[in-house]
Amino acid sequence: MTKLPCLLILTALIATLTPAVLTAQENLARIQINQEEIDREWNRYILLDRNRGIEHGEGELAALKEDVRKGYIMRQLLLSLASYRNITVTGEEVDDVLSQTRGDYPEADWEAMLKGQLFTPESFRQSLEESLIIDRVLKAEVTDRILIGDDEIESYYKAHESSYTTDYGVIPLREVKGLIREILKAEKSREETARFMDDLYSRTMFVEGDPTPIQ
């Protein structure tokens, strides 16, 4: 079965942004809660887990519901920032990814699979478009802003030299420098993103709806 893109995105922007963007974020951090959409995402989350044979206890369910709610809020914040930044994707880009996702599924089978995951073809396409936009926002505001110095790469290489040792000796730094850079960039991205998520979420104002875990 084709694996559908993850729609409960829990990532955000790197903390070191310009003052102008921070001001924009303060304005963007006013989210109108749509309980119906949150409930739909929650039902989809539980349905997918049940289809995989995963069951949750009552205590775990409360924490998961809050994660779904936060994921909804973070996605809305990121989409708002995309609008502020004029970051979009074309219909052709969405169609290309949709075609890759769908694969060789006949129309009836594809629609039945979407329905089984609480999607219509239209709502799935919209969710896919939003995911692509968010990916583009994160690339511009997180990935492309992270710089890894040569000193960091060398320190990592020395600390993990055993990982680059073969029967023929130690692999020279120059041959693994690019790989190490990507490893460090991924690690830094996760750390900075998590810190900014906490800060951004704590400054979120709710236009309507009770900012407590959904019941």
N, C-alpha and C. Protein backbone atom coordinates (compact mmCIF):
# COMPACT_ATOMS: atom_id res chain seq x y z
N MET A 1 0.84 -1.20 0.00
CA MET A 1 0.00 0.00 0.00
C MET A 1 0.87 1.24 0.00
N THR A 2 0.45 2.22 -0.79
CA THR A 2 1.19 3.47 -0.84
C THR A 2 1.15 4.16 0.51
N LYS A 3 2.27 4.61 0.98
CA LYS A 3 2.33 5.32 2.26
C LYS A 3 1.98 6.77 2.04
N LEU A 4 0.92 7.25 2.71
CA LEU A 4 0.49 8.62 2.55
C LEU A 4 1.38 9.54 3.35
N PRO A 5 1.60 10.78 2.88
CA PRO A 5 2.46 11.72 3.59
C PRO A 5 1.93 12.00 4.98
N CYS A 6 2.81 12.19 5.95
CA CYS A 6 2.42 12.53 7.31
C CYS A 6 1.83 13.93 7.33
N LEU A 7 0.61 14.07 7.90
CA LEU A 7 -0.07 15.36 7.91
C LEU A 7 -0.05 16.00 9.28
N LEU A 8 0.43 15.27 10.29
CA LEU A 8 0.49 15.84 11.63
C LEU A 8 1.89 16.38 11.85
N ILE A 9 2.15 17.46 11.22
CA ILE A 9 3.50 18.00 11.22
C ILE A 9 3.75 18.73 12.52
N LEU A 10 4.84 18.34 13.23
CA LEU A 10 5.15 18.93 14.53
C LEU A 10 6.48 19.67 14.48
N THR A 11 6.79 20.24 13.30
CA THR A 11 8.04 20.98 13.17
C THR A 11 7.75 22.44 12.99
N ALA A 12 8.75 23.31 13.28
CA ALA A 12 8.54 24.75 13.14
C ALA A 12 9.82 25.40 12.67
N LEU A 13 10.01 26.67 12.99
CA LEU A 13 11.11 27.44 12.43
C LEU A 13 12.25 27.58 13.40
N ILE A 14 13.45 27.83 12.85
CA ILE A 14 14.64 28.03 13.68
C ILE A 14 14.51 29.32 14.47
N ALA A 15 15.08 29.37 15.67
CA ALA A 15 14.86 30.50 16.57
C ALA A 15 15.56 31.77 16.13
N THR A 16 16.65 31.66 15.41
CA THR A 16 17.46 32.85 15.08
C THR A 16 16.95 33.50 13.81
N LEU A 17 15.81 34.23 13.92
CA LEU A 17 15.23 34.92 12.80
C LEU A 17 15.41 36.42 12.98
N THR A 18 15.20 37.17 11.91
CA THR A 18 15.37 38.61 11.97
C THR A 18 14.25 39.23 12.78
N PRO A 19 14.45 40.44 13.35
CA PRO A 19 13.40 41.09 14.11
C PRO A 19 12.12 41.29 13.32
N ALA A 20 12.24 41.58 12.03
CA ALA A 20 11.05 41.79 11.22
C ALA A 20 10.19 40.54 11.16
N VAL A 21 10.86 39.39 11.03
CA VAL A 21 10.11 38.14 10.99
C VAL A 21 9.51 37.82 12.34
N LEU A 22 10.23 38.12 13.41
CA LEU A 22 9.69 37.89 14.74
C LEU A 22 8.42 38.70 14.94
N THR A 23 8.41 39.93 14.47
CA THR A 23 7.21 40.75 14.58
C THR A 23 6.07 40.10 13.81
N ALA A 24 6.39 39.59 12.62
CA ALA A 24 5.35 38.92 11.83
C ALA A 24 4.83 37.71 12.56
N GLN A 25 5.71 36.96 13.21
CA GLN A 25 5.28 35.77 13.93
C GLN A 25 4.36 36.13 15.07
N GLU A 26 4.65 37.25 15.75
CA GLU A 26 3.78 37.66 16.84
C GLU A 26 2.37 37.92 16.31
N ASN A 27 2.30 38.50 15.09
CA ASN A 27 0.99 38.73 14.50
C ASN A 27 0.35 37.43 14.03
N LEU A 28 1.18 36.52 13.54
CA LEU A 28 0.66 35.26 13.03
C LEU A 28 0.21 34.34 14.15
N ALA A 29 0.75 34.51 15.34
CA ALA A 29 0.49 33.58 16.43
C ALA A 29 -0.86 33.85 17.08
N ARG A 30 -1.87 34.00 16.24
CA ARG A 30 -3.25 34.13 16.68
C ARG A 30 -4.05 33.15 15.84
N ILE A 31 -4.31 32.01 16.39
CA ILE A 31 -4.87 30.92 15.61
C ILE A 31 -6.32 30.67 16.00
N GLN A 32 -7.17 30.64 14.99
CA GLN A 32 -8.57 30.31 15.23
C GLN A 32 -8.71 28.78 15.23
N ILE A 33 -9.18 28.27 16.34
CA ILE A 33 -9.29 26.82 16.49
C ILE A 33 -10.53 26.31 15.77
N ASN A 34 -10.35 25.34 14.91
CA ASN A 34 -11.46 24.67 14.25
C ASN A 34 -11.55 23.27 14.84
N GLN A 35 -12.42 23.11 15.81
CA GLN A 35 -12.51 21.84 16.53
C GLN A 35 -12.88 20.69 15.62
N GLU A 36 -13.68 20.99 14.61
CA GLU A 36 -14.08 19.93 13.68
C GLU A 36 -12.87 19.38 12.94
N GLU A 37 -11.96 20.25 12.51
CA GLU A 37 -10.76 19.79 11.82
C GLU A 37 -9.85 19.01 12.77
N ILE A 38 -9.73 19.47 14.01
CA ILE A 38 -8.90 18.76 14.98
C ILE A 38 -9.47 17.37 15.24
N ASP A 39 -10.79 17.29 15.41
CA ASP A 39 -11.43 15.99 15.65
C ASP A 39 -11.22 15.06 14.46
N ARG A 40 -11.27 15.61 13.25
CA ARG A 40 -11.06 14.79 12.06
C ARG A 40 -9.64 14.23 12.03
N GLU A 41 -8.66 15.07 12.37
CA GLU A 41 -7.28 14.60 12.41
C GLU A 41 -7.09 13.56 13.50
N TRP A 42 -7.74 13.78 14.63
CA TRP A 42 -7.62 12.81 15.72
C TRP A 42 -8.22 11.47 15.32
N ASN A 43 -9.39 11.47 14.70
CA ASN A 43 -10.01 10.23 14.26
C ASN A 43 -9.15 9.52 13.23
N ARG A 44 -8.51 10.30 12.35
CA ARG A 44 -7.63 9.70 11.35
C ARG A 44 -6.41 9.07 12.01
N TYR A 45 -5.85 9.75 12.99
CA TYR A 45 -4.67 9.25 13.70
C TYR A 45 -4.98 7.91 14.36
N ILE A 46 -6.10 7.86 15.08
CA ILE A 46 -6.48 6.63 15.78
C ILE A 46 -6.80 5.52 14.79
N LEU A 47 -7.48 5.87 13.70
CA LEU A 47 -7.82 4.87 12.69
C LEU A 47 -6.57 4.24 12.10
N LEU A 48 -5.57 5.06 11.76
CA LEU A 48 -4.34 4.53 11.18
C LEU A 48 -3.63 3.62 12.17
N ASP A 49 -3.59 4.01 13.44
CA ASP A 49 -2.95 3.16 14.45
C ASP A 49 -3.69 1.84 14.60
N ARG A 50 -5.00 1.88 14.62
CA ARG A 50 -5.78 0.64 14.75
C ARG A 50 -5.57 -0.26 13.55
N ASN A 51 -5.44 0.33 12.36
CA ASN A 51 -5.18 -0.48 11.17
C ASN A 51 -3.82 -1.16 11.24
N ARG A 52 -2.89 -0.54 12.01
CA ARG A 52 -1.57 -1.15 12.22
C ARG A 52 -1.53 -2.04 13.45
N GLY A 53 -2.69 -2.22 14.10
CA GLY A 53 -2.77 -3.07 15.28
C GLY A 53 -2.24 -2.42 16.54
N ILE A 54 -2.20 -1.08 16.57
CA ILE A 54 -1.69 -0.34 17.73
C ILE A 54 -2.86 0.16 18.56
N GLU A 55 -2.88 -0.21 19.83
CA GLU A 55 -3.91 0.26 20.75
C GLU A 55 -3.26 1.11 21.84
N HIS A 56 -4.01 2.07 22.36
CA HIS A 56 -3.49 2.99 23.37
C HIS A 56 -4.35 2.94 24.63
N GLY A 57 -3.68 3.05 25.80
CA GLY A 57 -4.40 3.15 27.05
C GLY A 57 -4.99 4.53 27.23
N GLU A 58 -5.89 4.66 28.21
CA GLU A 58 -6.57 5.94 28.41
C GLU A 58 -5.59 7.07 28.72
N GLY A 59 -4.60 6.80 29.55
CA GLY A 59 -3.63 7.83 29.90
C GLY A 59 -2.84 8.29 28.70
N GLU A 60 -2.47 7.36 27.85
CA GLU A 60 -1.71 7.70 26.65
C GLU A 60 -2.55 8.47 25.65
N LEU A 61 -3.84 8.16 25.59
CA LEU A 61 -4.72 8.83 24.64
C LEU A 61 -4.80 10.33 24.89
N ALA A 62 -4.83 10.73 26.18
CA ALA A 62 -4.92 12.15 26.50
C ALA A 62 -3.70 12.91 25.98
N ALA A 63 -2.51 12.33 26.15
CA ALA A 63 -1.29 12.97 25.66
C ALA A 63 -1.27 13.01 24.14
N LEU A 64 -1.74 11.96 23.49
CA LEU A 64 -1.76 11.92 22.03
C LEU A 64 -2.74 12.94 21.46
N LYS A 65 -3.87 13.13 22.14
CA LYS A 65 -4.84 14.13 21.69
C LYS A 65 -4.23 15.52 21.74
N GLU A 66 -3.46 15.78 22.78
CA GLU A 66 -2.82 17.09 22.88
C GLU A 66 -1.78 17.25 21.79
N ASP A 67 -1.06 16.18 21.45
CA ASP A 67 -0.08 16.24 20.35
C ASP A 67 -0.77 16.56 19.03
N VAL A 68 -1.93 15.95 18.80
CA VAL A 68 -2.67 16.21 17.56
C VAL A 68 -3.11 17.66 17.51
N ARG A 69 -3.59 18.16 18.62
CA ARG A 69 -4.03 19.55 18.69
C ARG A 69 -2.87 20.52 18.44
N LYS A 70 -1.73 20.24 19.06
CA LYS A 70 -0.55 21.08 18.84
C LYS A 70 -0.09 21.00 17.39
N GLY A 71 -0.16 19.82 16.82
CA GLY A 71 0.23 19.66 15.42
C GLY A 71 -0.65 20.50 14.51
N TYR A 72 -1.94 20.53 14.79
CA TYR A 72 -2.86 21.35 14.01
C TYR A 72 -2.49 22.83 14.13
N ILE A 73 -2.22 23.29 15.35
CA ILE A 73 -1.87 24.68 15.58
C ILE A 73 -0.56 25.04 14.87
N MET A 74 0.45 24.17 14.99
CA MET A 74 1.74 24.45 14.37
C MET A 74 1.60 24.51 12.85
N ARG A 75 0.78 23.63 12.29
CA ARG A 75 0.59 23.66 10.85
C ARG A 75 -0.05 24.97 10.40
N GLN A 76 -1.04 25.43 11.17
CA GLN A 76 -1.70 26.70 10.83
C GLN A 76 -0.72 27.87 10.94
N LEU A 77 0.14 27.85 11.94
CA LEU A 77 1.14 28.90 12.09
C LEU A 77 2.10 28.91 10.91
N LEU A 78 2.54 27.74 10.51
CA LEU A 78 3.49 27.65 9.40
C LEU A 78 2.84 28.06 8.08
N LEU A 79 1.58 27.70 7.90
CA LEU A 79 0.88 28.12 6.68
C LEU A 79 0.67 29.63 6.67
N SER A 80 0.44 30.21 7.85
CA SER A 80 0.30 31.66 7.94
C SER A 80 1.62 32.35 7.60
N LEU A 81 2.71 31.78 8.08
CA LEU A 81 4.02 32.35 7.77
C LEU A 81 4.31 32.21 6.28
N ALA A 82 3.89 31.10 5.68
CA ALA A 82 4.07 30.92 4.24
C ALA A 82 3.32 32.00 3.47
N SER A 83 2.13 32.32 3.92
CA SER A 83 1.35 33.38 3.27
C SER A 83 2.05 34.72 3.41
N TYR A 84 2.58 35.00 4.61
CA TYR A 84 3.29 36.25 4.85
C TYR A 84 4.54 36.35 3.97
N ARG A 85 5.21 35.22 3.77
CA ARG A 85 6.43 35.17 2.98
C ARG A 85 6.17 34.99 1.48
N ASN A 86 4.88 34.86 1.12
CA ASN A 86 4.52 34.59 -0.27
C ASN A 86 5.15 33.30 -0.77
N ILE A 87 5.19 32.30 0.09
CA ILE A 87 5.73 30.99 -0.28
C ILE A 87 4.57 30.10 -0.73
N THR A 88 4.63 29.63 -1.95
CA THR A 88 3.56 28.82 -2.51
C THR A 88 4.16 27.64 -3.29
N VAL A 89 3.29 26.78 -3.75
CA VAL A 89 3.67 25.73 -4.69
C VAL A 89 2.69 25.79 -5.85
N THR A 90 3.10 25.34 -6.99
CA THR A 90 2.23 25.37 -8.17
C THR A 90 1.33 24.14 -8.20
N GLY A 91 0.26 24.27 -8.96
CA GLY A 91 -0.62 23.12 -9.14
C GLY A 91 0.10 21.95 -9.77
N GLU A 92 1.03 22.25 -10.67
CA GLU A 92 1.79 21.18 -11.33
C GLU A 92 2.66 20.43 -10.33
N GLU A 93 3.25 21.15 -9.38
CA GLU A 93 4.07 20.50 -8.35
C GLU A 93 3.21 19.58 -7.49
N VAL A 94 2.03 20.04 -7.13
CA VAL A 94 1.12 19.21 -6.34
C VAL A 94 0.71 17.98 -7.14
N ASP A 95 0.38 18.18 -8.40
CA ASP A 95 -0.05 17.06 -9.25
C ASP A 95 1.05 16.02 -9.39
N ASP A 96 2.30 16.47 -9.52
CA ASP A 96 3.42 15.54 -9.65
C ASP A 96 3.56 14.66 -8.42
N VAL A 97 3.51 15.27 -7.24
CA VAL A 97 3.64 14.50 -6.00
C VAL A 97 2.43 13.61 -5.81
N LEU A 98 1.25 14.12 -6.14
CA LEU A 98 0.04 13.32 -6.02
C LEU A 98 0.11 12.09 -6.90
N SER A 99 0.63 12.27 -8.12
CA SER A 99 0.77 11.14 -9.03
C SER A 99 1.74 10.10 -8.49
N GLN A 100 2.87 10.56 -7.91
CA GLN A 100 3.83 9.64 -7.32
C GLN A 100 3.23 8.91 -6.12
N THR A 101 2.44 9.62 -5.33
CA THR A 101 1.82 9.02 -4.15
C THR A 101 0.79 7.98 -4.54
N ARG A 102 0.00 8.32 -5.53
CA ARG A 102 -1.07 7.41 -5.97
C ARG A 102 -0.51 6.17 -6.65
N GLY A 103 0.54 6.33 -7.42
CA GLY A 103 1.11 5.18 -8.11
C GLY A 103 0.16 4.62 -9.15
N ASP A 104 -0.02 3.31 -9.15
CA ASP A 104 -0.84 2.64 -10.16
C ASP A 104 -2.24 2.31 -9.67
N TYR A 105 -2.67 2.90 -8.57
CA TYR A 105 -4.01 2.62 -8.05
C TYR A 105 -5.08 3.01 -9.07
N PRO A 106 -6.00 2.11 -9.39
CA PRO A 106 -7.17 2.51 -10.20
C PRO A 106 -7.99 3.53 -9.43
N GLU A 107 -8.77 4.31 -10.15
CA GLU A 107 -9.54 5.40 -9.55
C GLU A 107 -10.39 4.93 -8.38
N ALA A 108 -11.16 3.86 -8.58
CA ALA A 108 -12.07 3.38 -7.54
C ALA A 108 -11.30 2.92 -6.30
N ASP A 109 -10.19 2.20 -6.51
CA ASP A 109 -9.39 1.73 -5.38
C ASP A 109 -8.74 2.89 -4.63
N TRP A 110 -8.27 3.87 -5.38
CA TRP A 110 -7.63 5.03 -4.77
C TRP A 110 -8.63 5.79 -3.89
N GLU A 111 -9.83 6.03 -4.42
CA GLU A 111 -10.83 6.76 -3.66
C GLU A 111 -11.28 5.97 -2.43
N ALA A 112 -11.34 4.65 -2.58
CA ALA A 112 -11.72 3.81 -1.43
C ALA A 112 -10.66 3.85 -0.35
N MET A 113 -9.38 3.86 -0.74
CA MET A 113 -8.31 3.94 0.25
C MET A 113 -8.34 5.29 0.96
N LEU A 114 -8.56 6.36 0.21
CA LEU A 114 -8.65 7.67 0.83
C LEU A 114 -9.82 7.74 1.80
N LYS A 115 -10.95 7.21 1.38
CA LYS A 115 -12.14 7.22 2.24
C LYS A 115 -11.88 6.44 3.51
N GLY A 116 -11.13 5.35 3.39
CA GLY A 116 -10.80 4.56 4.57
C GLY A 116 -9.91 5.30 5.55
N GLN A 117 -9.27 6.37 5.09
CA GLN A 117 -8.44 7.20 5.96
C GLN A 117 -9.06 8.59 6.16
N LEU A 118 -10.39 8.65 5.92
CA LEU A 118 -11.18 9.86 6.19
C LEU A 118 -10.80 11.03 5.30
N PHE A 119 -10.38 10.72 4.07
CA PHE A 119 -10.08 11.75 3.08
C PHE A 119 -11.06 11.65 1.92
N THR A 120 -11.31 12.77 1.28
CA THR A 120 -11.87 12.79 -0.06
C THR A 120 -10.70 13.11 -0.99
N PRO A 121 -10.83 12.87 -2.29
CA PRO A 121 -9.74 13.27 -3.19
C PRO A 121 -9.39 14.74 -3.07
N GLU A 122 -10.41 15.58 -2.86
CA GLU A 122 -10.17 17.02 -2.74
C GLU A 122 -9.45 17.37 -1.45
N SER A 123 -9.89 16.78 -0.34
CA SER A 123 -9.26 17.12 0.95
C SER A 123 -7.84 16.56 1.02
N PHE A 124 -7.61 15.41 0.39
CA PHE A 124 -6.26 14.86 0.39
C PHE A 124 -5.33 15.74 -0.43
N ARG A 125 -5.80 16.21 -1.57
CA ARG A 125 -4.98 17.08 -2.40
C ARG A 125 -4.65 18.38 -1.66
N GLN A 126 -5.63 18.93 -0.95
CA GLN A 126 -5.38 20.14 -0.19
C GLN A 126 -4.35 19.90 0.91
N SER A 127 -4.48 18.78 1.61
CA SER A 127 -3.53 18.45 2.67
C SER A 127 -2.13 18.25 2.10
N LEU A 128 -2.05 17.62 0.94
CA LEU A 128 -0.77 17.42 0.29
C LEU A 128 -0.15 18.76 -0.11
N GLU A 129 -0.96 19.65 -0.64
CA GLU A 129 -0.48 20.98 -1.01
C GLU A 129 0.05 21.72 0.22
N GLU A 130 -0.69 21.65 1.34
CA GLU A 130 -0.24 22.31 2.56
C GLU A 130 1.09 21.73 3.04
N SER A 131 1.23 20.41 2.95
CA SER A 131 2.47 19.77 3.38
C SER A 131 3.65 20.24 2.53
N LEU A 132 3.45 20.36 1.23
CA LEU A 132 4.51 20.83 0.34
C LEU A 132 4.89 22.28 0.65
N ILE A 133 3.90 23.10 0.94
CA ILE A 133 4.17 24.50 1.30
C ILE A 133 4.97 24.55 2.59
N ILE A 134 4.58 23.76 3.57
CA ILE A 134 5.29 23.75 4.86
C ILE A 134 6.71 23.26 4.68
N ASP A 135 6.90 22.25 3.85
CA ASP A 135 8.27 21.78 3.56
C ASP A 135 9.11 22.92 3.01
N ARG A 136 8.52 23.72 2.13
CA ARG A 136 9.25 24.83 1.51
C ARG A 136 9.57 25.92 2.54
N VAL A 137 8.61 26.18 3.45
CA VAL A 137 8.85 27.15 4.53
C VAL A 137 10.00 26.68 5.40
N LEU A 138 9.99 25.42 5.79
CA LEU A 138 11.02 24.89 6.68
C LEU A 138 12.39 24.90 6.01
N LYS A 139 12.40 24.64 4.72
CA LYS A 139 13.68 24.68 4.00
C LYS A 139 14.25 26.10 4.02
N ALA A 140 13.38 27.08 3.75
CA ALA A 140 13.83 28.46 3.69
C ALA A 140 14.22 29.01 5.06
N GLU A 141 13.46 28.64 6.09
CA GLU A 141 13.65 29.24 7.40
C GLU A 141 14.48 28.42 8.37
N VAL A 142 14.69 27.14 8.04
CA VAL A 142 15.48 26.28 8.93
C VAL A 142 16.70 25.73 8.21
N THR A 143 16.47 24.82 7.29
CA THR A 143 17.58 24.10 6.65
C THR A 143 18.59 25.03 6.00
N ASP A 144 18.09 25.98 5.23
CA ASP A 144 19.00 26.85 4.49
C ASP A 144 19.73 27.85 5.38
N ARG A 145 19.31 27.99 6.63
CA ARG A 145 19.95 28.94 7.54
C ARG A 145 21.01 28.29 8.43
N ILE A 146 21.08 26.99 8.44
CA ILE A 146 22.00 26.29 9.33
C ILE A 146 23.36 26.16 8.64
N LEU A 147 24.38 26.62 9.32
CA LEU A 147 25.74 26.53 8.81
C LEU A 147 26.57 25.64 9.73
N ILE A 148 27.34 24.76 9.14
CA ILE A 148 28.20 23.86 9.90
C ILE A 148 29.65 24.20 9.56
N GLY A 149 30.41 24.58 10.58
CA GLY A 149 31.79 24.95 10.37
C GLY A 149 32.71 23.75 10.23
N ASP A 150 33.88 23.97 9.62
CA ASP A 150 34.85 22.89 9.44
C ASP A 150 35.35 22.37 10.78
N ASP A 151 35.40 23.27 11.79
CA ASP A 151 35.86 22.83 13.09
C ASP A 151 34.87 21.85 13.73
N GLU A 152 33.58 22.07 13.51
CA GLU A 152 32.57 21.15 14.02
C GLU A 152 32.70 19.80 13.35
N ILE A 153 32.95 19.81 12.05
CA ILE A 153 33.08 18.56 11.30
C ILE A 153 34.30 17.79 11.79
N GLU A 154 35.41 18.49 12.00
CA GLU A 154 36.63 17.83 12.45
C GLU A 154 36.46 17.24 13.84
N SER A 155 35.79 17.97 14.72
CA SER A 155 35.56 17.49 16.08
C SER A 155 34.70 16.23 16.06
N TYR A 156 33.67 16.23 15.24
CA TYR A 156 32.79 15.06 15.12
C TYR A 156 33.57 13.87 14.57
N TYR A 157 34.38 14.13 13.58
CA TYR A 157 35.17 13.07 12.95
C TYR A 157 36.11 12.41 13.97
N LYS A 158 36.77 13.23 14.78
CA LYS A 158 37.69 12.70 15.78
C LYS A 158 36.95 11.91 16.86
N ALA A 159 35.77 12.41 17.24
CA ALA A 159 35.00 11.75 18.30
C ALA A 159 34.39 10.44 17.82
N HIS A 160 34.23 10.27 16.50
CA HIS A 160 33.60 9.07 15.95
C HIS A 160 34.54 8.35 14.98
N GLU A 161 35.82 8.45 15.23
CA GLU A 161 36.80 7.90 14.30
C GLU A 161 36.61 6.40 14.09
N SER A 162 36.16 5.72 15.13
CA SER A 162 35.97 4.28 14.99
C SER A 162 34.92 3.94 13.95
N SER A 163 33.96 4.86 13.75
CA SER A 163 32.90 4.64 12.76
C SER A 163 33.44 4.73 11.34
N TYR A 164 34.60 5.35 11.20
CA TYR A 164 35.18 5.53 9.87
C TYR A 164 36.46 4.72 9.70
N THR A 165 36.54 3.66 10.46
CA THR A 165 37.69 2.77 10.38
C THR A 165 37.28 1.46 9.72
N THR A 166 38.02 1.06 8.72
CA THR A 166 37.76 -0.19 8.02
C THR A 166 38.96 -1.12 8.18
N ASP A 167 38.87 -2.28 7.57
CA ASP A 167 39.98 -3.23 7.61
C ASP A 167 41.23 -2.67 6.92
N TYR A 168 41.02 -1.64 6.11
CA TYR A 168 42.12 -1.06 5.36
C TYR A 168 42.65 0.22 5.99
N GLY A 169 42.07 0.58 7.16
CA GLY A 169 42.53 1.79 7.84
C GLY A 169 41.42 2.81 8.00
N VAL A 170 41.80 3.97 8.47
CA VAL A 170 40.83 5.03 8.72
C VAL A 170 40.52 5.77 7.42
N ILE A 171 39.22 5.97 7.16
CA ILE A 171 38.82 6.73 5.98
C ILE A 171 39.20 8.19 6.17
N PRO A 172 39.87 8.81 5.25
CA PRO A 172 40.28 10.22 5.40
C PRO A 172 39.08 11.14 5.58
N LEU A 173 39.29 12.18 6.35
CA LEU A 173 38.22 13.14 6.63
C LEU A 173 37.65 13.72 5.34
N ARG A 174 38.50 13.99 4.37
CA ARG A 174 38.02 14.63 3.14
C ARG A 174 36.98 13.77 2.42
N GLU A 175 37.03 12.45 2.64
CA GLU A 175 36.10 11.56 1.94
C GLU A 175 34.74 11.47 2.63
N VAL A 176 34.68 11.84 3.89
CA VAL A 176 33.40 11.73 4.62
C VAL A 176 32.92 13.10 5.11
N LYS A 177 33.61 14.14 4.71
CA LYS A 177 33.30 15.49 5.19
C LYS A 177 31.85 15.88 4.84
N GLY A 178 31.44 15.61 3.62
CA GLY A 178 30.08 15.95 3.22
C GLY A 178 29.04 15.20 4.01
N LEU A 179 29.29 13.92 4.25
CA LEU A 179 28.35 13.10 5.02
C LEU A 179 28.24 13.61 6.46
N ILE A 180 29.37 13.94 7.08
CA ILE A 180 29.37 14.44 8.44
C ILE A 180 28.64 15.79 8.52
N ARG A 181 28.83 16.61 7.52
CA ARG A 181 28.14 17.90 7.49
C ARG A 181 26.63 17.70 7.52
N GLU A 182 26.14 16.74 6.74
CA GLU A 182 24.71 16.48 6.69
C GLU A 182 24.21 15.93 8.02
N ILE A 183 25.00 15.07 8.66
CA ILE A 183 24.63 14.52 9.97
C ILE A 183 24.50 15.65 11.00
N LEU A 184 25.50 16.51 11.05
CA LEU A 184 25.48 17.62 12.00
C LEU A 184 24.35 18.60 11.69
N LYS A 185 24.10 18.81 10.41
CA LYS A 185 23.03 19.73 10.02
C LYS A 185 21.67 19.19 10.45
N ALA A 186 21.47 17.90 10.31
CA ALA A 186 20.21 17.29 10.72
C ALA A 186 20.03 17.38 12.24
N GLU A 187 21.12 17.12 12.97
CA GLU A 187 21.05 17.19 14.43
C GLU A 187 20.74 18.61 14.89
N LYS A 188 21.42 19.59 14.32
CA LYS A 188 21.20 20.98 14.71
C LYS A 188 19.79 21.43 14.34
N SER A 189 19.32 20.98 13.21
CA SER A 189 17.97 21.34 12.77
C SER A 189 16.93 20.84 13.76
N ARG A 190 17.09 19.59 14.23
CA ARG A 190 16.14 19.04 15.20
C ARG A 190 16.17 19.83 16.50
N GLU A 191 17.36 20.17 16.97
CA GLU A 191 17.50 20.89 18.23
C GLU A 191 16.90 22.30 18.15
N GLU A 192 17.27 23.04 17.10
CA GLU A 192 16.78 24.40 16.96
C GLU A 192 15.27 24.43 16.72
N THR A 193 14.79 23.48 15.94
CA THR A 193 13.37 23.42 15.66
C THR A 193 12.57 23.15 16.92
N ALA A 194 13.03 22.20 17.72
CA ALA A 194 12.33 21.88 18.96
C ALA A 194 12.26 23.08 19.89
N ARG A 195 13.37 23.82 20.01
CA ARG A 195 13.36 24.99 20.88
C ARG A 195 12.40 26.06 20.38
N PHE A 196 12.41 26.26 19.07
CA PHE A 196 11.54 27.29 18.53
C PHE A 196 10.07 26.88 18.61
N MET A 197 9.79 25.61 18.42
CA MET A 197 8.42 25.10 18.56
C MET A 197 7.86 25.44 19.92
N ASP A 198 8.65 25.16 20.96
CA ASP A 198 8.19 25.43 22.32
C ASP A 198 7.92 26.91 22.52
N ASP A 199 8.83 27.75 22.00
CA ASP A 199 8.68 29.19 22.17
C ASP A 199 7.48 29.71 21.38
N LEU A 200 7.37 29.29 20.14
CA LEU A 200 6.28 29.75 19.29
C LEU A 200 4.93 29.31 19.84
N TYR A 201 4.85 28.09 20.28
CA TYR A 201 3.58 27.58 20.82
C TYR A 201 3.20 28.30 22.10
N SER A 202 4.18 28.61 22.93
CA SER A 202 3.88 29.29 24.19
C SER A 202 3.36 30.70 23.96
N ARG A 203 3.68 31.30 22.80
CA ARG A 203 3.25 32.65 22.49
C ARG A 203 2.00 32.68 21.61
N THR A 204 1.42 31.51 21.37
CA THR A 204 0.24 31.45 20.53
C THR A 204 -1.00 31.93 21.29
N MET A 205 -1.79 32.75 20.61
CA MET A 205 -3.06 33.21 21.17
C MET A 205 -4.18 32.54 20.38
N PHE A 206 -5.23 32.16 21.08
CA PHE A 206 -6.33 31.43 20.47
C PHE A 206 -7.52 32.36 20.27
N VAL A 207 -7.91 32.55 19.02
CA VAL A 207 -9.01 33.46 18.72
C VAL A 207 -10.31 32.95 19.30
N GLU A 208 -10.54 31.68 19.20
CA GLU A 208 -11.71 31.08 19.83
C GLU A 208 -11.39 29.64 20.12
N GLY A 209 -12.11 29.08 21.06
CA GLY A 209 -11.82 27.71 21.47
C GLY A 209 -11.01 27.68 22.74
N ASP A 210 -11.15 26.65 23.50
CA ASP A 210 -10.47 26.50 24.77
C ASP A 210 -9.13 25.82 24.55
N PRO A 211 -8.00 26.50 24.85
CA PRO A 211 -6.66 25.91 24.61
C PRO A 211 -6.30 24.86 25.63
N THR A 212 -7.17 23.87 25.79
CA THR A 212 -6.89 22.73 26.66
C THR A 212 -6.95 21.48 25.78
N PRO A 213 -6.38 20.37 26.24
CA PRO A 213 -6.45 19.15 25.42
C PRO A 213 -7.88 18.81 25.06
N ILE A 214 -8.09 18.38 23.82
CA ILE A 214 -9.44 18.03 23.40
C ILE A 214 -9.91 16.80 24.14
N GLN A 215 -11.17 16.77 24.45
CA GLN A 215 -11.73 15.68 25.25
C GLN A 215 -12.31 14.59 24.36
